[in-house]
Amino acid sequence: MSAYRSFNNSDYRPRFGGFSFFPPVIKNVILINVAVFVLQLVFESGLTFGGRPIYYWFAETFFLYPLGDGFLPWQLVTYMFLHGNFTHILFNMLMLWMFGMELENTWGSKKFLIFYFASGIVAGLANLFIAPMFSTPGATIGASGGVYGVLTAFALMFPNRYIYLWFFVPIRAKYLITFLFFIEVYNGIAGTMDGIAHIAHLGGAVVGAIWVLLDRNGSIDRMLSSVGRRRAVDSAPGWDNSPREAKFFDFTPGREEAKKSDPEFDKSQKMIDDILDKISVSGYSSLTEEEKRILLDASKRIHPDKDHH
């Protein structure tokens, strides 16, 4: 399968600067997957420890096993970096690169990283809790759950983008991914014993769809911004961590509305917001002395009875 970008598609916005064909998250995920696959091959070669093949320990520890049959919590992440053979890892990494690079360039690396792991983890959870209703799942490995999340997000964001099936059959992304989705639904419900975790694929695809729908109305950015800002506040020395609405300059009872309508209040509030955003991106140590002073003054005015250092 090969992707082709058509400039006459309404959903395509050409960017001539800042586009990377190997953005950092995808590049590092591929490198880690390849390194782990090589490690698997080394372990499969027959290395033993204490008379027992190392590969047995490796599989028991990092494959995703069913509940009550060897499941360990971290397997929800580690299984995403393991593959059964060369074809398995080749196609997963190829799909991740082809369809994921534009998502990472569009969203940014941090947002894409969270999305990719969310897709893979939910795919694993679907395999644990839903797949047993239709079949008897065994140990599961592969990045396919996360990749199906990427495929679905791509189809929703760029539905009219042409994809060349087998390098010469053009088909729009929305049609191809929809076809693949329904194939997975059929195989998953039918409980096809083909050794493929179809329900896990569907779990990743559902995350891709929900993520894009939430992202369109700004919900994803608001959630990530809220988490980043909360961490920024928590990391600032002397800042009160108790949960409450941040009203940095509301010092005088009975004058809340007047202060909110004051241009100076708005200017000060924006200044604090900018400082907190800077902390969430680069950490407290990145602040200038003036910015630290402004933040500390705001903290003192909110809680004059606290000892600020």
Protein backbone atom coordinates (compact mmCIF):
# COMPACT_ATOMS: atom_id res chain seq x y z
CA MET A 1 0.00 0.00 0.00
CA SER A 2 1.37 3.41 -0.90
CA ALA A 3 0.16 6.89 -0.01
CA TYR A 4 -0.08 9.65 -2.58
CA ARG A 5 -0.80 13.30 -1.76
CA SER A 6 -3.00 14.99 -4.34
CA PHE A 7 -2.90 18.80 -4.35
CA ASN A 8 -6.42 19.08 -5.73
CA ASN A 9 -7.94 17.43 -2.67
CA SER A 10 -9.90 19.86 -0.54
CA ASP A 11 -8.61 18.30 2.66
CA TYR A 12 -4.97 18.82 1.79
CA ARG A 13 -3.10 21.89 2.95
CA PRO A 14 0.45 21.89 1.55
CA ARG A 15 3.10 23.06 4.00
CA PHE A 16 6.47 24.14 2.67
CA GLY A 17 8.21 24.58 6.00
CA GLY A 18 8.48 22.48 9.12
CA PHE A 19 7.22 19.21 7.59
CA SER A 20 9.33 16.23 8.55
CA PHE A 21 9.20 12.89 6.77
CA PHE A 22 10.58 11.25 9.92
CA PRO A 23 9.16 13.26 12.83
CA PRO A 24 10.76 12.41 16.20
CA VAL A 25 8.07 10.23 17.79
CA ILE A 26 7.59 8.03 14.73
CA LYS A 27 11.33 7.81 14.15
CA ASN A 28 12.01 6.74 17.74
CA VAL A 29 9.06 4.33 17.91
CA ILE A 30 10.31 2.62 14.73
CA LEU A 31 13.88 2.45 16.05
CA ILE A 32 12.73 0.97 19.36
CA ASN A 33 10.55 -1.60 17.60
CA VAL A 34 13.42 -2.64 15.34
CA ALA A 35 15.84 -2.87 18.28
CA VAL A 36 13.40 -5.00 20.29
CA PHE A 37 12.78 -7.23 17.27
CA VAL A 38 16.52 -7.85 16.94
CA LEU A 39 16.61 -8.66 20.66
CA GLN A 40 13.77 -11.14 20.14
CA LEU A 41 15.75 -12.85 17.39
CA VAL A 42 18.78 -13.09 19.68
CA PHE A 43 16.70 -14.64 22.46
CA GLU A 44 15.01 -17.03 20.03
CA SER A 45 18.42 -18.29 18.91
CA GLY A 46 18.51 -20.58 21.94
CA LEU A 47 20.17 -18.54 24.70
CA THR A 48 19.50 -20.04 28.11
CA PHE A 49 19.81 -18.96 31.71
CA GLY A 50 19.79 -21.50 34.52
CA GLY A 51 18.97 -24.20 31.99
CA ARG A 52 15.83 -22.39 30.79
CA PRO A 53 15.54 -20.52 27.45
CA ILE A 54 15.66 -16.76 28.03
CA TYR A 55 12.94 -16.30 25.43
CA TYR A 56 10.43 -18.03 27.73
CA TRP A 57 11.08 -15.47 30.45
CA PHE A 58 10.98 -12.66 27.89
CA ALA A 59 7.61 -13.77 26.52
CA GLU A 60 6.05 -14.35 29.94
CA THR A 61 7.13 -10.89 31.07
CA PHE A 62 6.40 -8.67 28.06
CA PHE A 63 3.73 -10.35 25.87
CA LEU A 64 0.14 -9.35 26.61
CA TYR A 65 -1.43 -12.35 28.34
CA PRO A 66 -5.14 -12.83 29.11
CA LEU A 67 -6.44 -11.95 32.57
CA GLY A 68 -5.70 -14.72 35.05
CA ASP A 69 -3.31 -16.39 32.63
CA GLY A 70 -0.09 -14.46 33.14
CA PHE A 71 -1.31 -10.86 32.72
CA LEU A 72 0.92 -8.15 34.16
CA PRO A 73 -0.06 -4.44 34.03
CA TRP A 74 2.96 -3.21 32.08
CA GLN A 75 2.19 -5.67 29.29
CA LEU A 76 -0.42 -3.17 28.03
CA VAL A 77 2.53 -1.08 26.85
CA THR A 78 5.30 -3.60 26.19
CA TYR A 79 3.26 -5.75 23.81
CA MET A 80 3.14 -2.80 21.40
CA PHE A 81 6.89 -3.11 20.76
CA LEU A 82 6.99 -6.86 20.03
CA HIS A 83 6.37 -8.66 16.74
CA GLY A 84 6.07 -12.23 15.57
CA ASN A 85 8.12 -12.11 12.38
CA PHE A 86 9.75 -9.80 9.84
CA THR A 87 6.57 -9.31 7.78
CA HIS A 88 4.62 -8.39 10.93
CA ILE A 89 6.99 -5.61 11.97
CA LEU A 90 7.59 -4.43 8.39
CA PHE A 91 3.95 -3.73 7.63
CA ASN A 92 3.18 -2.25 11.05
CA MET A 93 6.10 0.17 10.87
CA LEU A 94 5.38 1.00 7.23
CA MET A 95 1.76 1.85 8.04
CA LEU A 96 2.81 3.84 11.11
CA TRP A 97 5.23 5.91 9.03
CA MET A 98 3.00 6.38 5.97
CA PHE A 99 -0.08 7.52 7.86
CA GLY A 100 1.37 8.72 11.13
CA MET A 101 3.92 11.22 9.89
CA GLU A 102 1.27 13.67 8.74
CA LEU A 103 -0.64 13.31 12.02
CA GLU A 104 2.50 14.05 14.03
CA ASN A 105 3.37 17.01 11.81
CA THR A 106 -0.18 18.33 12.20
CA TRP A 107 -0.67 17.74 15.93
CA GLY A 108 2.88 18.04 17.23
CA SER A 109 4.99 15.27 18.71
CA LYS A 110 3.68 15.39 22.29
CA LYS A 111 0.05 15.16 21.23
CA PHE A 112 0.77 12.38 18.73
CA LEU A 113 2.73 10.39 21.32
CA ILE A 114 -0.18 10.49 23.78
CA PHE A 115 -2.58 9.52 21.01
CA TYR A 116 -0.47 6.59 19.84
CA PHE A 117 -0.08 5.11 23.30
CA ALA A 118 -3.76 5.70 24.09
CA SER A 119 -4.70 3.75 20.94
CA GLY A 120 -2.37 0.88 21.79
CA ILE A 121 -3.38 0.65 25.45
CA VAL A 122 -7.12 0.74 24.71
CA ALA A 123 -6.52 -1.89 22.01
CA GLY A 124 -4.90 -4.05 24.68
CA LEU A 125 -7.80 -3.49 27.08
CA ALA A 126 -10.27 -4.46 24.35
CA ASN A 127 -8.29 -7.64 23.83
CA LEU A 128 -8.46 -8.39 27.56
CA PHE A 129 -12.12 -7.63 28.24
CA ILE A 130 -14.03 -7.85 24.94
CA ALA A 131 -12.19 -10.44 22.83
CA PRO A 132 -12.98 -13.32 25.27
CA MET A 133 -16.68 -12.83 24.48
CA PHE A 134 -16.06 -14.01 20.91
CA SER A 135 -13.00 -16.25 21.05
CA THR A 136 -10.29 -17.61 23.30
CA PRO A 137 -7.41 -15.14 23.04
CA GLY A 138 -3.85 -16.12 23.74
CA ALA A 139 -0.70 -14.07 24.22
CA THR A 140 -0.79 -10.95 22.02
CA ILE A 141 2.01 -8.89 20.50
CA GLY A 142 2.29 -6.17 17.86
CA ALA A 143 1.80 -2.47 17.25
CA SER A 144 -1.33 -3.08 15.17
CA GLY A 145 -3.73 -1.64 17.77
CA GLY A 146 -1.91 1.68 17.80
CA VAL A 147 -1.52 1.57 14.01
CA TYR A 148 -5.26 1.08 13.52
CA GLY A 149 -5.81 4.16 15.65
CA VAL A 150 -3.46 6.04 13.32
CA LEU A 151 -5.21 4.70 10.20
CA THR A 152 -8.64 5.72 11.48
CA ALA A 153 -7.48 9.20 12.52
CA PHE A 154 -5.86 9.70 9.11
CA ALA A 155 -9.03 8.65 7.27
CA LEU A 156 -11.13 11.09 9.30
CA MET A 157 -8.71 13.97 8.90
CA PHE A 158 -7.84 13.39 5.23
CA PRO A 159 -10.80 11.38 3.87
CA ASN A 160 -10.19 12.22 0.22
CA ARG A 161 -6.48 11.51 0.20
CA TYR A 162 -5.61 8.87 -2.40
CA ILE A 163 -3.88 5.72 -1.23
CA TYR A 164 -2.35 3.46 -3.86
CA LEU A 165 -3.23 -0.14 -3.02
CA TRP A 166 -0.44 -2.46 -4.14
CA PHE A 167 1.23 0.69 -5.50
CA PHE A 168 -1.07 1.11 -8.51
CA VAL A 169 -4.76 0.92 -7.48
CA PRO A 170 -5.91 4.39 -6.27
CA ILE A 171 -8.54 4.46 -3.55
CA ARG A 172 -9.59 7.27 -1.22
CA ALA A 173 -8.58 6.89 2.42
CA LYS A 174 -12.16 7.04 3.69
CA TYR A 175 -13.20 4.05 1.58
CA LEU A 176 -10.14 1.90 2.25
CA ILE A 177 -10.08 2.41 6.03
CA THR A 178 -13.86 1.90 6.26
CA PHE A 179 -13.49 -1.39 4.37
CA LEU A 180 -10.69 -2.52 6.68
CA PHE A 181 -12.77 -1.54 9.72
CA PHE A 182 -15.73 -3.68 8.67
CA ILE A 183 -13.44 -6.60 7.86
CA GLU A 184 -12.12 -6.39 11.42
CA VAL A 185 -15.67 -6.19 12.81
CA TYR A 186 -16.68 -9.32 10.89
CA ASN A 187 -13.58 -11.30 11.85
CA GLY A 188 -13.75 -10.14 15.47
CA ILE A 189 -17.41 -11.07 15.98
CA ALA A 190 -17.06 -14.32 14.03
CA GLY A 191 -14.17 -15.29 16.30
CA THR A 192 -11.96 -16.19 13.35
CA MET A 193 -9.12 -18.38 14.59
CA ASP A 194 -6.45 -16.86 12.35
CA GLY A 195 -4.08 -15.77 15.11
CA ILE A 196 -4.90 -12.06 14.60
CA ALA A 197 -6.23 -9.87 17.44
CA HIS A 198 -9.12 -8.31 15.49
CA ILE A 199 -10.85 -6.94 18.59
CA ALA A 200 -7.62 -5.18 19.58
CA HIS A 201 -7.52 -3.56 16.14
CA LEU A 202 -11.07 -2.32 16.63
CA GLY A 203 -10.16 -0.92 20.04
CA GLY A 204 -7.38 1.15 18.50
CA ALA A 205 -9.66 2.28 15.66
CA VAL A 206 -12.32 3.46 18.13
CA VAL A 207 -9.72 5.60 19.93
CA GLY A 208 -8.67 7.11 16.59
CA ALA A 209 -12.25 8.07 15.77
CA ILE A 210 -13.06 9.49 19.21
CA TRP A 211 -9.78 11.40 19.37
CA VAL A 212 -10.35 13.18 16.06
CA LEU A 213 -13.97 14.02 16.90
CA LEU A 214 -12.93 15.51 20.24
CA ASP A 215 -10.00 17.29 18.65
CA ARG A 216 -12.23 19.05 16.16
CA ASN A 217 -14.00 21.00 18.91
CA GLY A 218 -10.79 21.65 20.83
CA SER A 219 -11.48 19.23 23.69
CA ILE A 220 -8.17 17.38 23.32
CA ASP A 221 -6.11 20.59 23.39
CA ARG A 222 -8.03 21.86 26.42
CA MET A 223 -7.43 18.61 28.30
CA LEU A 224 -3.71 18.56 27.49
CA SER A 225 -3.39 22.26 28.32
CA SER A 226 -5.18 21.73 31.62
CA VAL A 227 -2.88 18.86 32.59
CA GLY A 228 0.21 20.80 31.54
CA ARG A 229 -0.86 23.89 33.46
CA ARG A 230 -1.67 21.89 36.58
CA ARG A 231 1.79 20.33 36.49
CA ALA A 232 3.30 23.75 35.95
CA VAL A 233 1.55 25.15 39.02
CA ASP A 234 2.53 22.11 41.09
CA SER A 235 6.17 22.53 40.10
CA ALA A 236 6.38 26.21 41.04
CA PRO A 237 8.07 26.69 44.46
CA GLY A 238 5.77 28.07 47.16
CA TRP A 239 2.63 27.59 45.07
CA ASP A 240 -0.47 26.33 46.81
CA ASN A 241 -1.41 22.94 45.34
CA SER A 242 -4.90 22.74 46.81
CA PRO A 243 -7.65 22.41 44.16
CA ARG A 244 -9.42 25.68 43.52
CA GLU A 245 -10.25 28.04 40.70
CA ALA A 246 -7.26 30.22 39.83
CA LYS A 247 -8.23 33.86 40.47
CA PHE A 248 -4.79 35.33 40.74
CA PHE A 249 -5.71 38.94 41.39
CA ASP A 250 -9.04 38.70 43.17
CA PHE A 251 -7.78 40.09 46.48
CA THR A 252 -10.63 42.26 47.69
CA PRO A 253 -13.99 40.66 48.61
CA GLY A 254 -16.96 42.16 46.79
CA ARG A 255 -14.96 43.53 43.86
CA GLU A 256 -14.63 40.37 41.73
CA GLU A 257 -16.72 41.55 38.79
CA ALA A 258 -15.13 45.00 38.77
CA LYS A 259 -11.66 43.50 38.70
CA LYS A 260 -12.54 41.08 35.89
CA SER A 261 -13.65 43.99 33.73
CA ASP A 262 -10.51 45.98 34.50
CA PRO A 263 -8.00 46.01 31.58
CA GLU A 264 -5.12 45.86 34.07
CA PHE A 265 -6.64 42.70 35.58
CA ASP A 266 -6.90 41.13 32.12
CA LYS A 267 -3.31 42.09 31.34
CA SER A 268 -2.03 40.61 34.61
CA GLN A 269 -4.07 37.44 34.17
CA LYS A 270 -2.69 36.94 30.67
CA MET A 271 0.84 37.47 31.96
CA ILE A 272 0.36 34.73 34.57
CA ASP A 273 -1.19 32.41 31.98
CA ASP A 274 1.78 32.92 29.65
CA ILE A 275 4.22 32.15 32.46
CA LEU A 276 2.35 28.97 33.40
CA ASP A 277 2.30 27.89 29.76
CA LYS A 278 6.06 28.43 29.59
CA ILE A 279 6.56 26.27 32.70
CA SER A 280 4.41 23.49 31.23
CA VAL A 281 6.59 23.43 28.10
CA SER A 282 10.11 24.13 29.41
CA GLY A 283 9.92 23.78 33.20
CA TYR A 284 10.21 26.25 36.06
CA SER A 285 13.97 26.64 35.56
CA SER A 286 13.36 28.24 32.15
CA LEU A 287 11.76 31.32 33.72
CA THR A 288 13.60 34.61 33.93
CA GLU A 289 14.08 36.21 37.34
CA GLU A 290 11.37 38.73 36.48
CA GLU A 291 8.90 35.98 35.58
CA LYS A 292 9.69 34.12 38.80
CA ARG A 293 9.09 37.32 40.75
CA ILE A 294 5.72 37.90 39.05
CA LEU A 295 4.63 34.33 39.80
CA LEU A 296 5.76 34.53 43.40
CA ASP A 297 4.00 37.90 43.92
CA ALA A 298 0.79 36.42 42.54
CA SER A 299 1.09 33.47 44.89
CA LYS A 300 1.63 35.76 47.88
CA ARG A 301 -1.40 37.86 47.01
CA ILE A 302 -3.63 34.80 46.78
CA HIS A 303 -2.38 33.29 50.04
CA PRO A 304 -0.79 36.06 52.15
CA ASP A 305 -0.79 33.79 55.22
CA LYS A 306 1.54 31.20 53.60
CA ASP A 307 5.30 31.21 53.87
CA HIS A 308 6.69 31.47 50.32
CA HIS A 309 10.26 30.55 49.53
